[in-house]
Structures are given as structure tokens and as C-alpha cells.
PDB file of N, CA and C in Angstrom:
ATOM      1  N   MET A   1       0.873  -1.230   0.028  1.00  0.00           N
ATOM      2  CA  MET A   1       0.009   0.013   0.007  1.00  0.00           C
ATOM      3  C   MET A   1       0.799   1.205   0.013  1.00  0.00           C
ATOM      4  N   PHE A   2       1.981   1.243   0.608  1.00  0.00           N
ATOM      5  CA  PHE A   2       2.940   2.326   0.742  1.00  0.00           C
ATOM      6  C   PHE A   2       3.337   2.886  -0.687  1.00  0.00           C
ATOM      7  N   PHE A   3       3.839   1.837  -1.517  1.00  0.00           N
ATOM      8  CA  PHE A   3       4.304   2.199  -2.771  1.00  0.00           C
ATOM      9  C   PHE A   3       3.090   2.722  -3.714  1.00  0.00           C
ATOM     10  N   GLU A   4       1.993   2.158  -3.630  1.00  0.00           N
ATOM     11  CA  GLU A   4       0.828   2.703  -4.370  1.00  0.00           C
ATOM     12  C   GLU A   4       0.464   4.131  -3.938  1.00  0.00           C
ATOM     13  N   THR A   5       0.560   4.422  -2.598  1.00  0.00           N
ATOM     14  CA  THR A   5       0.314   5.809  -2.113  1.00  0.00           C
ATOM     15  C   THR A   5       1.325   6.778  -2.760  1.00  0.00           C
ATOM     16  N   GLU A   6       2.635   6.332  -2.795  1.00  0.00           N
ATOM     17  CA  GLU A   6       3.674   7.155  -3.277  1.00  0.00           C
ATOM     18  C   GLU A   6       3.480   7.416  -4.764  1.00  0.00           C
ATOM     19  N   ARG A   7       3.166   6.297  -5.440  1.00  0.00           N
ATOM     20  CA  ARG A   7       2.881   6.434  -6.947  1.00  0.00           C
ATOM     21  C   ARG A   7       1.821   7.465  -7.131  1.00  0.00           C
ATOM     22  N   HIS A   8       0.796   7.465  -6.353  1.00  0.00           N
ATOM     23  CA  HIS A   8      -0.340   8.353  -6.426  1.00  0.00           C
ATOM     24  C   HIS A   8       0.050   9.837  -6.287  1.00  0.00           C
ATOM     25  N   ARG A   9       0.933  10.048  -5.279  1.00  0.00           N
ATOM     26  CA  ARG A   9       1.473  11.320  -4.910  1.00  0.00           C
ATOM     27  C   ARG A   9       2.347  11.898  -6.076  1.00  0.00           C
ATOM     28  N   ILE A  10       3.150  10.990  -6.640  1.00  0.00           N
ATOM     29  CA  ILE A  10       3.964  11.452  -7.822  1.00  0.00           C
ATOM     30  C   ILE A  10       3.172  11.723  -9.082  1.00  0.00           C
ATOM     31  N   LYS A  11       2.075  10.906  -9.233  1.00  0.00           N
ATOM     32  CA  LYS A  11       1.179  11.223 -10.347  1.00  0.00           C
ATOM     33  C   LYS A  11       0.432  12.528 -10.242  1.00  0.00           C
ATOM     34  N   ASN A  12       0.079  12.840  -9.023  1.00  0.00           N
ATOM     35  CA  ASN A  12      -0.551  14.128  -8.762  1.00  0.00           C
ATOM     36  C   ASN A  12       0.441  15.261  -8.980  1.00  0.00           C
ATOM     37  N   PHE A  13       1.660  15.166  -8.565  1.00  0.00           N
ATOM     38  CA  PHE A  13       2.655  16.130  -8.830  1.00  0.00           C
ATOM     39  C   PHE A  13       2.784  16.330 -10.381  1.00  0.00           C
ATOM     40  N   ILE A  14       2.922  15.247 -11.070  1.00  0.00           N
ATOM     41  CA  ILE A  14       3.037  15.373 -12.525  1.00  0.00           C
ATOM     42  C   ILE A  14       1.884  16.159 -13.054  1.00  0.00           C
ATOM     43  N   GLU A  15       0.684  15.656 -12.849  1.00  0.00           N
ATOM     44  CA  GLU A  15      -0.533  16.227 -13.386  1.00  0.00           C
ATOM     45  C   GLU A  15      -0.807  17.703 -12.966  1.00  0.00           C
ATOM     46  N   GLY A  16      -0.529  18.027 -11.706  1.00  0.00           N
ATOM     47  CA  GLY A  16      -0.742  19.228 -11.150  1.00  0.00           C
ATOM     48  C   GLY A  16       0.245  20.335 -11.479  1.00  0.00           C
ATOM     49  N   ILE A  17       1.485  20.066 -11.616  1.00  0.00           N
ATOM     50  CA  ILE A  17       2.497  21.033 -11.828  1.00  0.00           C
ATOM     51  C   ILE A  17       3.240  20.804 -13.062  1.00  0.00           C
ATOM     52  N   LEU A  18       3.819  19.649 -13.375  1.00  0.00           N
ATOM     53  CA  LEU A  18       4.646  19.504 -14.530  1.00  0.00           C
ATOM     54  C   LEU A  18       3.889  19.636 -15.846  1.00  0.00           C
ATOM     55  N   LEU A  19       2.730  19.077 -15.983  1.00  0.00           N
ATOM     56  CA  LEU A  19       2.008  19.114 -17.185  1.00  0.00           C
ATOM     57  C   LEU A  19       1.643  20.617 -17.554  1.00  0.00           C
ATOM     58  N   ALA A  20       1.298  21.373 -16.525  1.00  0.00           N
ATOM     59  CA  ALA A  20       1.041  22.770 -16.769  1.00  0.00           C
ATOM     60  C   ALA A  20       2.234  23.542 -17.436  1.00  0.00           C
ATOM     61  N   HIS A  21       3.465  23.291 -16.887  1.00  0.00           N
ATOM     62  CA  HIS A  21       4.584  23.856 -17.467  1.00  0.00           C
ATOM     63  C   HIS A  21       4.911  23.330 -18.862  1.00  0.00           C
ATOM     64  N   GLN A  22       4.700  21.968 -18.981  1.00  0.00           N
ATOM     65  CA  GLN A  22       4.994  21.376 -20.307  1.00  0.00           C
ATOM     66  C   GLN A  22       4.005  22.077 -21.334  1.00  0.00           C
ATOM     67  N   LYS A  23       2.821  22.307 -20.995  1.00  0.00           N
ATOM     68  CA  LYS A  23       1.916  22.879 -21.954  1.00  0.00           C
ATOM     69  C   LYS A  23       2.259  24.360 -22.362  1.00  0.00           C
ATOM     70  N   LYS A  24       2.824  25.027 -21.285  1.00  0.00           N
ATOM     71  CA  LYS A  24       3.332  26.436 -21.647  1.00  0.00           C
ATOM     72  C   LYS A  24       4.519  26.431 -22.547  1.00  0.00           C
ATOM     73  N   THR A  25       5.425  25.644 -22.258  1.00  0.00           N
ATOM     74  CA  THR A  25       6.796  25.624 -22.898  1.00  0.00           C
ATOM     75  C   THR A  25       7.098  24.125 -23.362  1.00  0.00           C
ATOM     76  N   PRO A  26       6.433  23.628 -24.375  1.00  0.00           N
ATOM     77  CA  PRO A  26       6.708  22.266 -24.806  1.00  0.00           C
ATOM     78  C   PRO A  26       8.054  21.952 -25.401  1.00  0.00           C
ATOM     79  N   ASP A  27       8.666  22.948 -25.834  1.00  0.00           N
ATOM     80  CA  ASP A  27      10.062  22.852 -26.539  1.00  0.00           C
ATOM     81  C   ASP A  27      11.197  23.057 -25.559  1.00  0.00           C
ATOM     82  N   ASP A  28      10.831  23.374 -24.291  1.00  0.00           N
ATOM     83  CA  ASP A  28      11.909  23.586 -23.291  1.00  0.00           C
ATOM     84  C   ASP A  28      12.687  22.234 -23.062  1.00  0.00           C
ATOM     85  N   PRO A  29      13.986  22.266 -23.307  1.00  0.00           N
ATOM     86  CA  PRO A  29      14.645  20.954 -22.998  1.00  0.00           C
ATOM     87  C   PRO A  29      14.700  20.606 -21.517  1.00  0.00           C
ATOM     88  N   TYR A  30      14.624  21.574 -20.662  1.00  0.00           N
ATOM     89  CA  TYR A  30      14.597  21.285 -19.254  1.00  0.00           C
ATOM     90  C   TYR A  30      13.336  20.538 -18.868  1.00  0.00           C
ATOM     91  N   ILE A  31      12.221  20.947 -19.301  1.00  0.00           N
ATOM     92  CA  ILE A  31      10.931  20.243 -18.949  1.00  0.00           C
ATOM     93  C   ILE A  31      10.868  18.961 -19.632  1.00  0.00           C
ATOM     94  N   ARG A  32      11.427  18.813 -20.825  1.00  0.00           N
ATOM     95  CA  ARG A  32      11.425  17.454 -21.400  1.00  0.00           C
ATOM     96  C   ARG A  32      12.311  16.464 -20.622  1.00  0.00           C
ATOM     97  N   THR A  33      13.433  16.947 -20.105  1.00  0.00           N
ATOM     98  CA  THR A  33      14.291  16.165 -19.361  1.00  0.00           C
ATOM     99  C   THR A  33      13.519  15.759 -17.942  1.00  0.00           C
ATOM    100  N   VAL A  34      12.963  16.703 -17.382  1.00  0.00           N
ATOM    101  CA  VAL A  34      12.310  16.470 -16.133  1.00  0.00           C
ATOM    102  C   VAL A  34      11.160  15.416 -16.273  1.00  0.00           C
ATOM    103  N   MET A  35      10.368  15.660 -17.370  1.00  0.00           N
ATOM    104  CA  MET A  35       9.261  14.729 -17.561  1.00  0.00           C
ATOM    105  C   MET A  35       9.740  13.264 -17.848  1.00  0.00           C
ATOM    106  N   ALA A  36      10.878  13.100 -18.541  1.00  0.00           N
ATOM    107  CA  ALA A  36      11.404  11.793 -18.797  1.00  0.00           C
ATOM    108  C   ALA A  36      11.948  11.111 -17.476  1.00  0.00           C
ATOM    109  N   GLN A  37      12.564  11.939 -16.688  1.00  0.00           N
ATOM    110  CA  GLN A  37      13.024  11.472 -15.324  1.00  0.00           C
ATOM    111  C   GLN A  37      11.887  11.055 -14.452  1.00  0.00           C
ATOM    112  N   ILE A  38      10.948  11.934 -14.354  1.00  0.00           N
ATOM    113  CA  ILE A  38       9.823  11.771 -13.478  1.00  0.00           C
ATOM    114  C   ILE A  38       8.956  10.525 -13.892  1.00  0.00           C
ATOM    115  N   GLY A  39       8.897  10.362 -15.248  1.00  0.00           N
ATOM    116  CA  GLY A  39       8.200   9.211 -15.722  1.00  0.00           C
ATOM    117  C   GLY A  39       8.811   7.854 -15.259  1.00  0.00           C
ATOM    118  N   ALA A  40      10.157   7.859 -15.260  1.00  0.00           N
ATOM    119  CA  ALA A  40      10.776   6.691 -14.752  1.00  0.00           C
ATOM    120  C   ALA A  40      10.595   6.579 -13.201  1.00  0.00           C
ATOM    121  N   ILE A  41      10.576   7.648 -12.517  1.00  0.00           N
ATOM    122  CA  ILE A  41      10.414   7.629 -11.154  1.00  0.00           C
ATOM    123  C   ILE A  41       8.997   7.130 -10.769  1.00  0.00           C
ATOM    124  N   GLU A  42       8.054   7.557 -11.552  1.00  0.00           N
ATOM    125  CA  GLU A  42       6.635   7.105 -11.354  1.00  0.00           C
ATOM    126  C   GLU A  42       6.430   5.639 -11.506  1.00  0.00           C
ATOM    127  N   SER A  43       7.094   5.042 -12.552  1.00  0.00           N
ATOM    128  CA  SER A  43       6.893   3.540 -12.713  1.00  0.00           C
ATOM    129  C   SER A  43       7.468   2.804 -11.674  1.00  0.00           C
ATOM    130  N   THR A  44       8.594   3.144 -10.934  1.00  0.00           N
ATOM    131  CA  THR A  44       9.210   2.290  -9.952  1.00  0.00           C
ATOM    132  C   THR A  44       8.168   1.964  -8.824  1.00  0.00           C
ATOM    133  N   PRO A  45       7.560   2.902  -8.196  1.00  0.00           N
ATOM    134  CA  PRO A  45       6.626   2.531  -7.177  1.00  0.00           C
ATOM    135  C   PRO A  45       5.480   1.554  -7.580  1.00  0.00           C
ATOM    136  N   GLY A  46       5.110   1.827  -8.855  1.00  0.00           N
ATOM    137  CA  GLY A  46       4.094   0.915  -9.408  1.00  0.00           C
ATOM    138  C   GLY A  46       4.565  -0.577  -9.513  1.00  0.00           C
ATOM    139  N   LEU A  47       5.774  -0.703  -9.915  1.00  0.00           N
ATOM    140  CA  LEU A  47       6.355  -2.055 -10.032  1.00  0.00           C
ATOM    141  C   LEU A  47       6.470  -2.585  -8.571  1.00  0.00           C
ATOM    142  N   LEU A  48       6.922  -1.836  -7.671  1.00  0.00           N
ATOM    143  CA  LEU A  48       7.114  -2.294  -6.305  1.00  0.00           C
ATOM    144  C   LEU A  48       5.811  -2.529  -5.598  1.00  0.00           C
ATOM    145  N   ALA A  49       4.790  -1.813  -5.963  1.00  0.00           N
ATOM    146  CA  ALA A  49       3.390  -2.105  -5.391  1.00  0.00           C
ATOM    147  C   ALA A  49       2.982  -3.460  -5.918  1.00  0.00           C
ATOM    148  N   ASN A  50       3.296  -3.896  -7.073  1.00  0.00           N
ATOM    149  CA  ASN A  50       2.843  -5.216  -7.553  1.00  0.00           C
ATOM    150  C   ASN A  50       3.561  -6.368  -6.801  1.00  0.00           C
ATOM    151  N   LEU A  51       4.721  -6.033  -6.211  1.00  0.00           N
ATOM    152  CA  LEU A  51       5.432  -7.106  -5.481  1.00  0.00           C
ATOM    153  C   LEU A  51       5.004  -7.195  -4.081  1.00  0.00           C
ATOM    154  N   GLU A  52       4.317  -6.167  -3.566  1.00  0.00           N
ATOM    155  CA  GLU A  52       3.833  -6.283  -2.106  1.00  0.00           C
ATOM    156  C   GLU A  52       2.721  -7.335  -1.951  1.00  0.00           C
TER     157      GLU A  52
END
């Protein structure tokens, strides 16, 4: 349950903050890098939740 909760928090962060920035400046290399890194971070708790 812990990992699912953390995955949910990360997803909310992505949807609430990062996607708004990405919509404003889609060609910004910084936001593209952050989105790629956060996507990897989001998948890890999902995988760990499946192992619980």
C-alpha cells in the first residue's frame, strides 16, 4: 500500500505541476528532461506495489 500511495502522490505532482509547465513551454529542453526522469520515477513505485 505504501508504494501505491507514493505512486499516486507522484502522479498528482506530474498532473498538477509538470504538465502545466509542459503545456506552456513544450520545446523547453529542461521540462522534457524532467518529464522523462519523473516518468521513470513514477513507474518504480508501481512495480514495487505489484510485489507487495
